[in-house]
Amino acid sequence: LMLWLANILAAHEKNTQCLQAYTYLQETLQEQLPSVCNQLL
């Protein structure tokens, strides 16, 4: 992830917005998946 995402973020400079999008993904996972899945993720 570090190598792949570093290239994308350097090109688009959207860290803050991406962080918010992935925070929403984390919230969605917590809402939609069983707790065992969330513990592993």
Full PDB file with SEQRES, HELIX, SHEET, SSBOND, CRYST1, ORIGX, SCALE, CONECT and MASTER records, all heavy atoms in Angstrom:
SEQRES   1 A   41  LEU MET LEU TRP LEU ALA ASN ILE LEU ALA ALA HIS GLU          
SEQRES   2 A   41  LYS ASN THR GLN CYS LEU GLN ALA TYR THR TYR LEU GLN          
SEQRES   3 A   41  GLU THR LEU GLN GLU GLN LEU PRO SER VAL CYS ASN GLN          
SEQRES   4 A   41  LEU LEU                                                      
HELIX    1 AA1 MET A    2  HIS A   12  1                                  11    
HELIX    2 AA2 ASN A   15  GLN A   32  1                                  18    
HELIX    3 AA3 SER A   35  LEU A   40  1                                   6    
CRYST1    1.000    1.000    1.000  90.00  90.00  90.00 P 1           1          
ORIGX1      1.000000  0.000000  0.000000        0.00000                         
ORIGX2      0.000000  1.000000  0.000000        0.00000                         
ORIGX3      0.000000  0.000000  1.000000        0.00000                         
SCALE1      1.000000  0.000000  0.000000        0.00000                         
SCALE2      0.000000  1.000000  0.000000        0.00000                         
SCALE3      0.000000  0.000000  1.000000        0.00000                         
ATOM      1  N   LEU A   1       0.819  -1.199   0.000  1.00  0.00           N  
ATOM      2  CA  LEU A   1       0.000   0.000   0.000  1.00  0.00           C  
ATOM      3  C   LEU A   1       0.857   1.255   0.000  1.00  0.00           C  
ATOM      4  O   LEU A   1       0.570   2.206  -0.720  1.00  0.00           O  
ATOM      5  CB  LEU A   1      -0.937   0.011   1.214  1.00  0.00           C  
ATOM      6  CG  LEU A   1      -1.861   1.217   1.321  1.00  0.00           C  
ATOM      7  CD1 LEU A   1      -2.940   1.137   0.247  1.00  0.00           C  
ATOM      8  CD2 LEU A   1      -2.487   1.302   2.684  1.00  0.00           C  
ATOM      9  N   MET A   2       1.908   1.249   0.793  1.00  0.00           N  
ATOM     10  CA  MET A   2       2.759   2.425   0.925  1.00  0.00           C  
ATOM     11  C   MET A   2       3.325   2.834  -0.430  1.00  0.00           C  
ATOM     12  O   MET A   2       3.261   3.991  -0.812  1.00  0.00           O  
ATOM     13  CB  MET A   2       3.895   2.127   1.909  1.00  0.00           C  
ATOM     14  CG  MET A   2       4.673   3.335   2.303  1.00  0.00           C  
ATOM     15  SD  MET A   2       3.734   4.292   3.484  1.00  0.00           S  
ATOM     16  CE  MET A   2       4.794   4.174   4.870  1.00  0.00           C  
ATOM     17  N   LEU A   3       3.851   1.894  -1.172  1.00  0.00           N  
ATOM     18  CA  LEU A   3       4.457   2.215  -2.461  1.00  0.00           C  
ATOM     19  C   LEU A   3       3.412   2.672  -3.471  1.00  0.00           C  
ATOM     20  O   LEU A   3       3.595   3.659  -4.173  1.00  0.00           O  
ATOM     21  CB  LEU A   3       5.219   1.004  -2.996  1.00  0.00           C  
ATOM     22  CG  LEU A   3       6.401   0.564  -2.154  1.00  0.00           C  
ATOM     23  CD1 LEU A   3       7.003  -0.718  -2.719  1.00  0.00           C  
ATOM     24  CD2 LEU A   3       7.456   1.657  -2.080  1.00  0.00           C  
ATOM     25  N   TRP A   4       2.315   1.956  -3.534  1.00  0.00           N  
ATOM     26  CA  TRP A   4       1.278   2.278  -4.506  1.00  0.00           C  
ATOM     27  C   TRP A   4       0.592   3.602  -4.165  1.00  0.00           C  
ATOM     28  O   TRP A   4       0.465   4.491  -5.002  1.00  0.00           O  
ATOM     29  CB  TRP A   4       0.265   1.128  -4.532  1.00  0.00           C  
ATOM     30  CG  TRP A   4      -0.936   1.376  -5.374  1.00  0.00           C  
ATOM     31  CD1 TRP A   4      -0.985   1.445  -6.735  1.00  0.00           C  
ATOM     32  CD2 TRP A   4      -2.262   1.599  -4.917  1.00  0.00           C  
ATOM     33  NE1 TRP A   4      -2.266   1.686  -7.146  1.00  0.00           N  
ATOM     34  CE2 TRP A   4      -3.072   1.780  -6.053  1.00  0.00           C  
ATOM     35  CE3 TRP A   4      -2.850   1.642  -3.655  1.00  0.00           C  
ATOM     36  CZ2 TRP A   4      -4.438   2.011  -5.961  1.00  0.00           C  
ATOM     37  CZ3 TRP A   4      -4.210   1.864  -3.571  1.00  0.00           C  
ATOM     38  CH2 TRP A   4      -4.994   2.048  -4.717  1.00  0.00           C  
ATOM     39  N   LEU A   5       0.185   3.752  -2.912  1.00  0.00           N  
ATOM     40  CA  LEU A   5      -0.556   4.934  -2.502  1.00  0.00           C  
ATOM     41  C   LEU A   5       0.328   6.177  -2.465  1.00  0.00           C  
ATOM     42  O   LEU A   5      -0.135   7.277  -2.755  1.00  0.00           O  
ATOM     43  CB  LEU A   5      -1.209   4.688  -1.139  1.00  0.00           C  
ATOM     44  CG  LEU A   5      -2.427   5.507  -0.777  1.00  0.00           C  
ATOM     45  CD1 LEU A   5      -3.479   5.453  -1.869  1.00  0.00           C  
ATOM     46  CD2 LEU A   5      -3.009   5.032   0.529  1.00  0.00           C  
ATOM     47  N   ALA A   6       1.598   6.017  -2.143  1.00  0.00           N  
ATOM     48  CA  ALA A   6       2.517   7.157  -2.121  1.00  0.00           C  
ATOM     49  C   ALA A   6       2.584   7.811  -3.488  1.00  0.00           C  
ATOM     50  O   ALA A   6       2.577   9.040  -3.604  1.00  0.00           O  
ATOM     51  CB  ALA A   6       3.899   6.715  -1.670  1.00  0.00           C  
ATOM     52  N   ASN A   7       2.613   7.004  -4.525  1.00  0.00           N  
ATOM     53  CA  ASN A   7       2.648   7.555  -5.889  1.00  0.00           C  
ATOM     54  C   ASN A   7       1.376   8.316  -6.213  1.00  0.00           C  
ATOM     55  O   ASN A   7       1.420   9.410  -6.779  1.00  0.00           O  
ATOM     56  CB  ASN A   7       2.832   6.427  -6.908  1.00  0.00           C  
ATOM     57  CG  ASN A   7       4.237   5.897  -6.909  1.00  0.00           C  
ATOM     58  OD1 ASN A   7       5.186   6.623  -6.672  1.00  0.00           O  
ATOM     59  ND2 ASN A   7       4.371   4.607  -7.169  1.00  0.00           N  
ATOM     60  N   ILE A   8       0.254   7.756  -5.878  1.00  0.00           N  
ATOM     61  CA  ILE A   8      -1.023   8.408  -6.169  1.00  0.00           C  
ATOM     62  C   ILE A   8      -1.153   9.716  -5.399  1.00  0.00           C  
ATOM     63  O   ILE A   8      -1.517  10.753  -5.955  1.00  0.00           O  
ATOM     64  CB  ILE A   8      -2.198   7.461  -5.844  1.00  0.00           C  
ATOM     65  CG1 ILE A   8      -2.188   6.303  -6.826  1.00  0.00           C  
ATOM     66  CG2 ILE A   8      -3.526   8.196  -5.881  1.00  0.00           C  
ATOM     67  CD1 ILE A   8      -3.124   5.188  -6.475  1.00  0.00           C  
ATOM     68  N   LEU A   9      -0.844   9.670  -4.109  1.00  0.00           N  
ATOM     69  CA  LEU A   9      -0.981  10.869  -3.287  1.00  0.00           C  
ATOM     70  C   LEU A   9      -0.011  11.961  -3.704  1.00  0.00           C  
ATOM     71  O   LEU A   9      -0.357  13.138  -3.707  1.00  0.00           O  
ATOM     72  CB  LEU A   9      -0.785  10.526  -1.817  1.00  0.00           C  
ATOM     73  CG  LEU A   9      -1.873   9.661  -1.215  1.00  0.00           C  
ATOM     74  CD1 LEU A   9      -1.548   9.329   0.226  1.00  0.00           C  
ATOM     75  CD2 LEU A   9      -3.225  10.340  -1.302  1.00  0.00           C  
ATOM     76  N   ALA A  10       1.187  11.583  -4.068  1.00  0.00           N  
ATOM     77  CA  ALA A  10       2.158  12.579  -4.524  1.00  0.00           C  
ATOM     78  C   ALA A  10       1.659  13.248  -5.799  1.00  0.00           C  
ATOM     79  O   ALA A  10       1.821  14.461  -5.981  1.00  0.00           O  
ATOM     80  CB  ALA A  10       3.518  11.922  -4.754  1.00  0.00           C  
ATOM     81  N   ALA A  11       1.026  12.483  -6.671  1.00  0.00           N  
ATOM     82  CA  ALA A  11       0.534  13.035  -7.934  1.00  0.00           C  
ATOM     83  C   ALA A  11      -0.686  13.934  -7.737  1.00  0.00           C  
ATOM     84  O   ALA A  11      -0.793  14.977  -8.381  1.00  0.00           O  
ATOM     85  CB  ALA A  11       0.186  11.897  -8.890  1.00  0.00           C  
ATOM     86  N   HIS A  12      -1.586  13.561  -6.868  1.00  0.00           N  
ATOM     87  CA  HIS A  12      -2.848  14.298  -6.732  1.00  0.00           C  
ATOM     88  C   HIS A  12      -2.921  15.220  -5.523  1.00  0.00           C  
ATOM     89  O   HIS A  12      -3.811  16.063  -5.458  1.00  0.00           O  
ATOM     90  CB  HIS A  12      -4.025  13.313  -6.689  1.00  0.00           C  
ATOM     91  CG  HIS A  12      -4.176  12.525  -7.940  1.00  0.00           C  
ATOM     92  ND1 HIS A  12      -4.650  13.064  -9.111  1.00  0.00           N  
ATOM     93  CD2 HIS A  12      -3.896  11.223  -8.213  1.00  0.00           C  
ATOM     94  CE1 HIS A  12      -4.667  12.139 -10.049  1.00  0.00           C  
ATOM     95  NE2 HIS A  12      -4.207  11.010  -9.530  1.00  0.00           N  
ATOM     96  N   GLU A  13      -2.041  15.034  -4.554  1.00  0.00           N  
ATOM     97  CA  GLU A  13      -2.021  15.845  -3.330  1.00  0.00           C  
ATOM     98  C   GLU A  13      -3.412  15.960  -2.702  1.00  0.00           C  
ATOM     99  O   GLU A  13      -3.924  17.041  -2.460  1.00  0.00           O  
ATOM    100  CB  GLU A  13      -1.426  17.216  -3.624  1.00  0.00           C  
ATOM    101  CG  GLU A  13       0.028  17.143  -4.052  1.00  0.00           C  
ATOM    102  CD  GLU A  13       0.659  18.499  -4.306  1.00  0.00           C  
ATOM    103  OE1 GLU A  13      -0.027  19.533  -4.178  1.00  0.00           O  
ATOM    104  OE2 GLU A  13       1.836  18.503  -4.645  1.00  0.00           O  
ATOM    105  N   LYS A  14      -4.008  14.815  -2.448  1.00  0.00           N  
ATOM    106  CA  LYS A  14      -5.355  14.772  -1.866  1.00  0.00           C  
ATOM    107  C   LYS A  14      -5.377  13.967  -0.570  1.00  0.00           C  
ATOM    108  O   LYS A  14      -6.351  13.262  -0.278  1.00  0.00           O  
ATOM    109  CB  LYS A  14      -6.339  14.147  -2.870  1.00  0.00           C  
ATOM    110  CG  LYS A  14      -6.494  14.889  -4.163  1.00  0.00           C  
ATOM    111  CD  LYS A  14      -7.333  16.107  -3.996  1.00  0.00           C  
ATOM    112  CE  LYS A  14      -7.604  16.753  -5.343  1.00  0.00           C  
ATOM    113  NZ  LYS A  14      -7.791  18.163  -5.259  1.00  0.00           N  
ATOM    114  N   ASN A  15      -4.317  14.069   0.233  1.00  0.00           N  
ATOM    115  CA  ASN A  15      -4.240  13.289   1.471  1.00  0.00           C  
ATOM    116  C   ASN A  15      -5.459  13.500   2.371  1.00  0.00           C  
ATOM    117  O   ASN A  15      -6.058  12.532   2.838  1.00  0.00           O  
ATOM    118  CB  ASN A  15      -2.998  13.671   2.285  1.00  0.00           C  
ATOM    119  CG  ASN A  15      -1.741  13.175   1.688  1.00  0.00           C  
ATOM    120  OD1 ASN A  15      -1.474  13.414   0.514  1.00  0.00           O  
ATOM    121  ND2 ASN A  15      -0.939  12.485   2.479  1.00  0.00           N  
ATOM    122  N   THR A  16      -5.768  14.744   2.637  1.00  0.00           N  
ATOM    123  CA  THR A  16      -6.831  15.060   3.588  1.00  0.00           C  
ATOM    124  C   THR A  16      -8.166  14.499   3.116  1.00  0.00           C  
ATOM    125  O   THR A  16      -8.893  13.878   3.892  1.00  0.00           O  
ATOM    126  CB  THR A  16      -6.935  16.581   3.789  1.00  0.00           C  
ATOM    127  OG1 THR A  16      -5.652  17.071   4.174  1.00  0.00           O  
ATOM    128  CG2 THR A  16      -7.957  16.928   4.850  1.00  0.00           C  
ATOM    129  N   GLN A  17      -8.466  14.698   1.842  1.00  0.00           N  
ATOM    130  CA  GLN A  17      -9.725  14.203   1.306  1.00  0.00           C  
ATOM    131  C   GLN A  17      -9.754  12.671   1.287  1.00  0.00           C  
ATOM    132  O   GLN A  17     -10.770  12.061   1.611  1.00  0.00           O  
ATOM    133  CB  GLN A  17      -9.963  14.755  -0.105  1.00  0.00           C  
ATOM    134  CG  GLN A  17     -10.127  16.252  -0.147  1.00  0.00           C  
ATOM    135  CD  GLN A  17      -8.809  17.010  -0.287  1.00  0.00           C  
ATOM    136  OE1 GLN A  17      -7.728  16.471  -0.058  1.00  0.00           O  
ATOM    137  NE2 GLN A  17      -8.898  18.278  -0.659  1.00  0.00           N  
ATOM    138  N   CYS A  18      -8.629  12.045   0.909  1.00  0.00           N  
ATOM    139  CA  CYS A  18      -8.561  10.579   0.902  1.00  0.00           C  
ATOM    140  C   CYS A  18      -8.710  10.027   2.318  1.00  0.00           C  
ATOM    141  O   CYS A  18      -9.379   9.016   2.524  1.00  0.00           O  
ATOM    142  CB  CYS A  18      -7.252  10.097   0.294  1.00  0.00           C  
ATOM    143  SG  CYS A  18      -7.158  10.334  -1.484  1.00  0.00           S  
ATOM    144  N   LEU A  19      -8.095  10.692   3.272  1.00  0.00           N  
ATOM    145  CA  LEU A  19      -8.213  10.268   4.660  1.00  0.00           C  
ATOM    146  C   LEU A  19      -9.679  10.270   5.081  1.00  0.00           C  
ATOM    147  O   LEU A  19     -10.164   9.331   5.715  1.00  0.00           O  
ATOM    148  CB  LEU A  19      -7.381  11.172   5.573  1.00  0.00           C  
ATOM    149  CG  LEU A  19      -7.424  10.878   7.063  1.00  0.00           C  
ATOM    150  CD1 LEU A  19      -6.909   9.479   7.373  1.00  0.00           C  
ATOM    151  CD2 LEU A  19      -6.605  11.917   7.829  1.00  0.00           C  
ATOM    152  N   GLN A  20     -10.404  11.302   4.701  1.00  0.00           N  
ATOM    153  CA  GLN A  20     -11.824  11.367   5.044  1.00  0.00           C  
ATOM    154  C   GLN A  20     -12.601  10.254   4.334  1.00  0.00           C  
ATOM    155  O   GLN A  20     -13.454   9.609   4.946  1.00  0.00           O  
ATOM    156  CB  GLN A  20     -12.407  12.733   4.688  1.00  0.00           C  
ATOM    157  CG  GLN A  20     -13.823  12.898   5.189  1.00  0.00           C  
ATOM    158  CD  GLN A  20     -14.349  14.310   5.028  1.00  0.00           C  
ATOM    159  OE1 GLN A  20     -13.755  15.130   4.330  1.00  0.00           O  
ATOM    160  NE2 GLN A  20     -15.463  14.586   5.668  1.00  0.00           N  
ATOM    161  N   ALA A  21     -12.316  10.004   3.069  1.00  0.00           N  
ATOM    162  CA  ALA A  21     -13.020   8.946   2.334  1.00  0.00           C  
ATOM    163  C   ALA A  21     -12.789   7.580   2.978  1.00  0.00           C  
ATOM    164  O   ALA A  21     -13.726   6.787   3.141  1.00  0.00           O  
ATOM    165  CB  ALA A  21     -12.560   8.923   0.876  1.00  0.00           C  
ATOM    166  N   TYR A  22     -11.541   7.311   3.381  1.00  0.00           N  
ATOM    167  CA  TYR A  22     -11.247   6.021   3.999  1.00  0.00           C  
ATOM    168  C   TYR A  22     -11.760   5.940   5.443  1.00  0.00           C  
ATOM    169  O   TYR A  22     -12.035   4.846   5.936  1.00  0.00           O  
ATOM    170  CB  TYR A  22      -9.756   5.690   3.907  1.00  0.00           C  
ATOM    171  CG  TYR A  22      -9.416   5.165   2.531  1.00  0.00           C  
ATOM    172  CD1 TYR A  22      -9.025   6.026   1.510  1.00  0.00           C  
ATOM    173  CD2 TYR A  22      -9.516   3.815   2.238  1.00  0.00           C  
ATOM    174  CE1 TYR A  22      -8.737   5.555   0.246  1.00  0.00           C  
ATOM    175  CE2 TYR A  22      -9.226   3.333   0.976  1.00  0.00           C  
ATOM    176  CZ  TYR A  22      -8.835   4.206  -0.020  1.00  0.00           C  
ATOM    177  OH  TYR A  22      -8.563   3.735  -1.279  1.00  0.00           O  
ATOM    178  N   THR A  23     -11.929   7.073   6.083  1.00  0.00           N  
ATOM    179  CA  THR A  23     -12.585   7.081   7.394  1.00  0.00           C  
ATOM    180  C   THR A  23     -14.050   6.680   7.213  1.00  0.00           C  
ATOM    181  O   THR A  23     -14.596   5.910   8.018  1.00  0.00           O  
ATOM    182  CB  THR A  23     -12.461   8.469   8.059  1.00  0.00           C  
ATOM    183  OG1 THR A  23     -11.066   8.766   8.223  1.00  0.00           O  
ATOM    184  CG2 THR A  23     -13.140   8.502   9.408  1.00  0.00           C  
ATOM    185  N   TYR A  24     -14.676   7.177   6.149  1.00  0.00           N  
ATOM    186  CA  TYR A  24     -16.047   6.751   5.844  1.00  0.00           C  
ATOM    187  C   TYR A  24     -16.094   5.263   5.512  1.00  0.00           C  
ATOM    188  O   TYR A  24     -17.048   4.574   5.876  1.00  0.00           O  
ATOM    189  CB  TYR A  24     -16.632   7.559   4.684  1.00  0.00           C  
ATOM    190  CG  TYR A  24     -16.981   8.982   5.031  1.00  0.00           C  
ATOM    191  CD1 TYR A  24     -16.609  10.030   4.200  1.00  0.00           C  
ATOM    192  CD2 TYR A  24     -17.706   9.293   6.183  1.00  0.00           C  
ATOM    193  CE1 TYR A  24     -16.934  11.344   4.507  1.00  0.00           C  
ATOM    194  CE2 TYR A  24     -18.034  10.601   6.503  1.00  0.00           C  
ATOM    195  CZ  TYR A  24     -17.645  11.622   5.657  1.00  0.00           C  
ATOM    196  OH  TYR A  24     -17.967  12.914   5.963  1.00  0.00           O  
ATOM    197  N   LEU A  25     -15.073   4.753   4.832  1.00  0.00           N  
ATOM    198  CA  LEU A  25     -15.031   3.320   4.548  1.00  0.00           C  
ATOM    199  C   LEU A  25     -14.942   2.528   5.854  1.00  0.00           C  
ATOM    200  O   LEU A  25     -15.652   1.535   6.035  1.00  0.00           O  
ATOM    201  CB  LEU A  25     -13.853   2.969   3.637  1.00  0.00           C  
ATOM    202  CG  LEU A  25     -13.692   1.473   3.334  1.00  0.00           C  
ATOM    203  CD1 LEU A  25     -14.906   0.932   2.593  1.00  0.00           C  
ATOM    204  CD2 LEU A  25     -12.416   1.229   2.539  1.00  0.00           C  
ATOM    205  N   GLN A  26     -14.093   2.987   6.758  1.00  0.00           N  
ATOM    206  CA  GLN A  26     -13.972   2.307   8.051  1.00  0.00           C  
ATOM    207  C   GLN A  26     -15.319   2.308   8.784  1.00  0.00           C  
ATOM    208  O   GLN A  26     -15.742   1.285   9.325  1.00  0.00           O  
ATOM    209  CB  GLN A  26     -12.896   2.971   8.902  1.00  0.00           C  
ATOM    210  CG  GLN A  26     -12.649   2.270  10.217  1.00  0.00           C  
ATOM    211  CD  GLN A  26     -11.538   2.931  11.006  1.00  0.00           C  
ATOM    212  OE1 GLN A  26     -11.454   4.156  11.076  1.00  0.00           O  
ATOM    213  NE2 GLN A  26     -10.685   2.114  11.596  1.00  0.00           N  
ATOM    214  N   GLU A  27     -16.009   3.444   8.789  1.00  0.00           N  
ATOM    215  CA  GLU A  27     -17.330   3.530   9.422  1.00  0.00           C  
ATOM    216  C   GLU A  27     -18.310   2.554   8.767  1.00  0.00           C  
ATOM    217  O   GLU A  27     -19.074   1.874   9.453  1.00  0.00           O  
ATOM    218  CB  GLU A  27     -17.892   4.943   9.303  1.00  0.00           C  
ATOM    219  CG  GLU A  27     -17.223   5.967  10.174  1.00  0.00           C  
ATOM    220  CD  GLU A  27     -17.728   7.386   9.903  1.00  0.00           C  
ATOM    221  OE1 GLU A  27     -18.745   7.553   9.179  1.00  0.00           O  
ATOM    222  OE2 GLU A  27     -17.101   8.330  10.410  1.00  0.00           O  
ATOM    223  N   THR A  28     -18.277   2.497   7.447  1.00  0.00           N  
ATOM    224  CA  THR A  28     -19.179   1.610   6.707  1.00  0.00           C  
ATOM    225  C   THR A  28     -18.894   0.151   7.040  1.00  0.00           C  
ATOM    226  O   THR A  28     -19.824  -0.640   7.247  1.00  0.00           O  
ATOM    227  CB  THR A  28     -19.052   1.861   5.193  1.00  0.00           C  
ATOM    228  OG1 THR A  28     -19.358   3.238   4.925  1.00  0.00           O  
ATOM    229  CG2 THR A  28     -19.996   0.981   4.395  1.00  0.00           C  
ATOM    230  N   LEU A  29     -17.626  -0.207   7.097  1.00  0.00           N  
ATOM    231  CA  LEU A  29     -17.267  -1.578   7.468  1.00  0.00           C  
ATOM    232  C   LEU A  29     -17.788  -1.908   8.861  1.00  0.00           C  
ATOM    233  O   LEU A  29     -18.345  -2.981   9.088  1.00  0.00           O  
ATOM    234  CB  LEU A  29     -15.747  -1.772   7.416  1.00  0.00           C  
ATOM    235  CG  LEU A  29     -15.080  -1.674   6.044  1.00  0.00           C  
ATOM    236  CD1 LEU A  29     -13.561  -1.741   6.191  1.00  0.00           C  
ATOM    237  CD2 LEU A  29     -15.582  -2.745   5.099  1.00  0.00           C  
ATOM    238  N   GLN A  30     -17.613  -0.971   9.791  1.00  0.00           N  
ATOM    239  CA  GLN A  30     -18.058  -1.196  11.167  1.00  0.00           C  
ATOM    240  C   GLN A  30     -19.578  -1.348  11.247  1.00  0.00           C  
ATOM    241  O   GLN A  30     -20.089  -2.117  12.056  1.00  0.00           O  
ATOM    242  CB  GLN A  30     -17.565  -0.078  12.077  1.00  0.00           C  
ATOM    243  CG  GLN A  30     -16.065  -0.133  12.298  1.00  0.00           C  
ATOM    244  CD  GLN A  30     -15.522   1.102  12.999  1.00  0.00           C  
ATOM    245  OE1 GLN A  30     -16.192   2.118  13.143  1.00  0.00           O  
ATOM    246  NE2 GLN A  30     -14.269   1.011  13.429  1.00  0.00           N  
ATOM    247  N   GLU A  31     -20.276  -0.616  10.404  1.00  0.00           N  
ATOM    248  CA  GLU A  31     -21.739  -0.682  10.401  1.00  0.00           C  
ATOM    249  C   GLU A  31     -22.264  -1.954   9.730  1.00  0.00           C  
ATOM    250  O   GLU A  31     -23.278  -2.507  10.153  1.00  0.00           O  
ATOM    251  CB  GLU A  31     -22.324   0.522   9.653  1.00  0.00           C  
ATOM    252  CG  GLU A  31     -22.113   1.850  10.329  1.00  0.00           C  
ATOM    253  CD  GLU A  31     -22.385   3.040   9.404  1.00  0.00           C  
ATOM    254  OE1 GLU A  31     -22.777   2.840   8.227  1.00  0.00           O  
ATOM    255  OE2 GLU A  31     -22.185   4.174   9.865  1.00  0.00           O  
ATOM    256  N   GLN A  32     -21.575  -2.400   8.680  1.00  0.00           N  
ATOM    257  CA  GLN A  32     -22.125  -3.455   7.825  1.00  0.00           C  
ATOM    258  C   GLN A  32     -21.559  -4.859   8.044  1.00  0.00           C  
ATOM    259  O   GLN A  32     -22.179  -5.833   7.622  1.00  0.00           O  
ATOM    260  CB  GLN A  32     -21.907  -3.082   6.345  1.00  0.00           C  
ATOM    261  CG  GLN A  32     -22.566  -1.790   5.936  1.00  0.00           C  
ATOM    262  CD  GLN A  32     -24.078  -1.872   6.015  1.00  0.00           C  
ATOM    263  OE1 GLN A  32     -24.678  -2.871   5.656  1.00  0.00           O  
ATOM    264  NE2 GLN A  32     -24.707  -0.809   6.512  1.00  0.00           N  
ATOM    265  N   LEU A  33     -20.399  -4.970   8.666  1.00  0.00           N  
ATOM    266  CA  LEU A  33     -19.761  -6.280   8.810  1.00  0.00           C  
ATOM    267  C   LEU A  33     -19.836  -6.777  10.249  1.00  0.00           C  
ATOM    268  O   LEU A  33     -19.891  -5.978  11.185  1.00  0.00           O  
ATOM    269  CB  LEU A  33     -18.295  -6.211   8.377  1.00  0.00           C  
ATOM    270  CG  LEU A  33     -18.020  -5.827   6.922  1.00  0.00           C  
ATOM    271  CD1 LEU A  33     -16.521  -5.817   6.659  1.00  0.00           C  
ATOM    272  CD2 LEU A  33     -18.729  -6.758   5.953  1.00  0.00           C  
ATOM    273  N   PRO A  34     -19.800  -8.087  10.432  1.00  0.00           N  
ATOM    274  CA  PRO A  34     -19.783  -8.641  11.789  1.00  0.00           C  
ATOM    275  C   PRO A  34     -18.538  -8.181  12.555  1.00  0.00           C  
ATOM    276  O   PRO A  34     -17.501  -7.871  11.962  1.00  0.00           O  
ATOM    277  CB  PRO A  34     -19.740 -10.158  11.562  1.00  0.00           C  
ATOM    278  CG  PRO A  34     -20.163 -10.379  10.160  1.00  0.00           C  
ATOM    279  CD  PRO A  34     -19.816  -9.129   9.409  1.00  0.00           C  
ATOM    280  N   SER A  35     -18.634  -8.165  13.876  1.00  0.00           N  
ATOM    281  CA  SER A  35     -17.528  -7.670  14.703  1.00  0.00           C  
ATOM    282  C   SER A  35     -16.253  -8.487  14.510  1.00  0.00           C  
ATOM    283  O   SER A  35     -15.155  -7.928  14.552  1.00  0.00           O  
ATOM    284  CB  SER A  35     -17.919  -7.625  16.177  1.00  0.00           C  
ATOM    285  OG  SER A  35     -18.201  -8.924  16.646  1.00  0.00           O  
ATOM    286  N   VAL A  36     -16.368  -9.785  14.261  1.00  0.00           N  
ATOM    287  CA  VAL A  36     -15.177 -10.614  14.023  1.00  0.00           C  
ATOM    288  C   VAL A  36     -14.421 -10.104  12.801  1.00  0.00           C  
ATOM    289  O   VAL A  36     -13.192  -9.988  12.815  1.00  0.00           O  
ATOM    290  CB  VAL A  36     -15.574 -12.104  13.838  1.00  0.00           C  
ATOM    291  CG1 VAL A  36     -14.399 -12.934  13.368  1.00  0.00           C  
ATOM    292  CG2 VAL A  36     -16.148 -12.665  15.118  1.00  0.00           C  
ATOM    293  N   CYS A  37     -15.143  -9.780  11.759  1.00  0.00           N  
ATOM    294  CA  CYS A  37     -14.516  -9.236  10.541  1.00  0.00           C  
ATOM    295  C   CYS A  37     -13.826  -7.916  10.848  1.00  0.00           C  
ATOM    296  O   CYS A  37     -12.685  -7.689  10.429  1.00  0.00           O  
ATOM    297  CB  CYS A  37     -15.555  -9.038   9.443  1.00  0.00           C  
ATOM    298  SG  CYS A  37     -16.306 -10.556   8.830  1.00  0.00           S  
ATOM    299  N   ASN A  38     -14.516  -7.056  11.576  1.00  0.00           N  
ATOM    300  CA  ASN A  38     -13.934  -5.746  11.894  1.00  0.00           C  
ATOM    301  C   ASN A  38     -12.698  -5.866  12.774  1.00  0.00           C  
ATOM    302  O   ASN A  38     -11.745  -5.096  12.608  1.00  0.00           O  
ATOM    303  CB  ASN A  38     -14.982  -4.836  12.534  1.00  0.00           C  
ATOM    304  CG  ASN A  38     -15.877  -4.220  11.490  1.00  0.00           C  
ATOM    305  OD1 ASN A  38     -15.414  -3.604  10.547  1.00  0.00           O  
ATOM    306  ND2 ASN A  38     -17.170  -4.425  11.633  1.00  0.00           N  
ATOM    307  N   GLN A  39     -12.684  -6.814  13.680  1.00  0.00           N  
ATOM    308  CA  GLN A  39     -11.490  -7.020  14.514  1.00  0.00           C  
ATOM    309  C   GLN A  39     -10.301  -7.424  13.656  1.00  0.00           C  
ATOM    310  O   GLN A  39      -9.187  -6.951  13.872  1.00  0.00           O  
ATOM    311  CB  GLN A  39     -11.752  -8.093  15.577  1.00  0.00           C  
ATOM    312  CG  GLN A  39     -12.669  -7.642  16.677  1.00  0.00           C  
ATOM    313  CD  GLN A  39     -13.071  -8.793  17.604  1.00  0.00           C  
ATOM    314  OE1 GLN A  39     -12.839  -9.954  17.319  1.00  0.00           O  
ATOM    315  NE2 GLN A  39     -13.703  -8.443  18.717  1.00  0.00           N  
ATOM    316  N   LEU A  40     -10.539  -8.291  12.679  1.00  0.00           N  
ATOM    317  CA  LEU A  40      -9.462  -8.729  11.794  1.00  0.00           C  
ATOM    318  C   LEU A  40      -9.015  -7.613  10.844  1.00  0.00           C  
ATOM    319  O   LEU A  40      -7.843  -7.520  10.494  1.00  0.00           O  
ATOM    320  CB  LEU A  40      -9.899  -9.958  10.986  1.00  0.00           C  
ATOM    321  CG  LEU A  40     -10.063 -11.242  11.793  1.00  0.00           C  
ATOM    322  CD1 LEU A  40     -10.768 -12.309  10.958  1.00  0.00           C  
ATOM    323  CD2 LEU A  40      -8.713 -11.743  12.285  1.00  0.00           C  
ATOM    324  N   LEU A  41      -9.957  -6.769  10.445  1.00  0.00           N  
ATOM    325  CA  LEU A  41      -9.647  -5.697   9.496  1.00  0.00           C  
ATOM    326  C   LEU A  41      -9.029  -4.470  10.163  1.00  0.00           C  
ATOM    327  O   LEU A  41      -8.376  -3.669   9.488  1.00  0.00           O  
ATOM    328  CB  LEU A  41     -10.914  -5.281   8.745  1.00  0.00           C  
ATOM    329  CG  LEU A  41     -11.468  -6.319   7.783  1.00  0.00           C  
ATOM    330  CD1 LEU A  41     -12.845  -5.906   7.291  1.00  0.00           C  
ATOM    331  CD2 LEU A  41     -10.513  -6.541   6.621  1.00  0.00           C  
TER     332      LEU A  41                                                      
MASTER        0    0    0    3    0    0    0    6  331    1    0    4          
END                                                                             
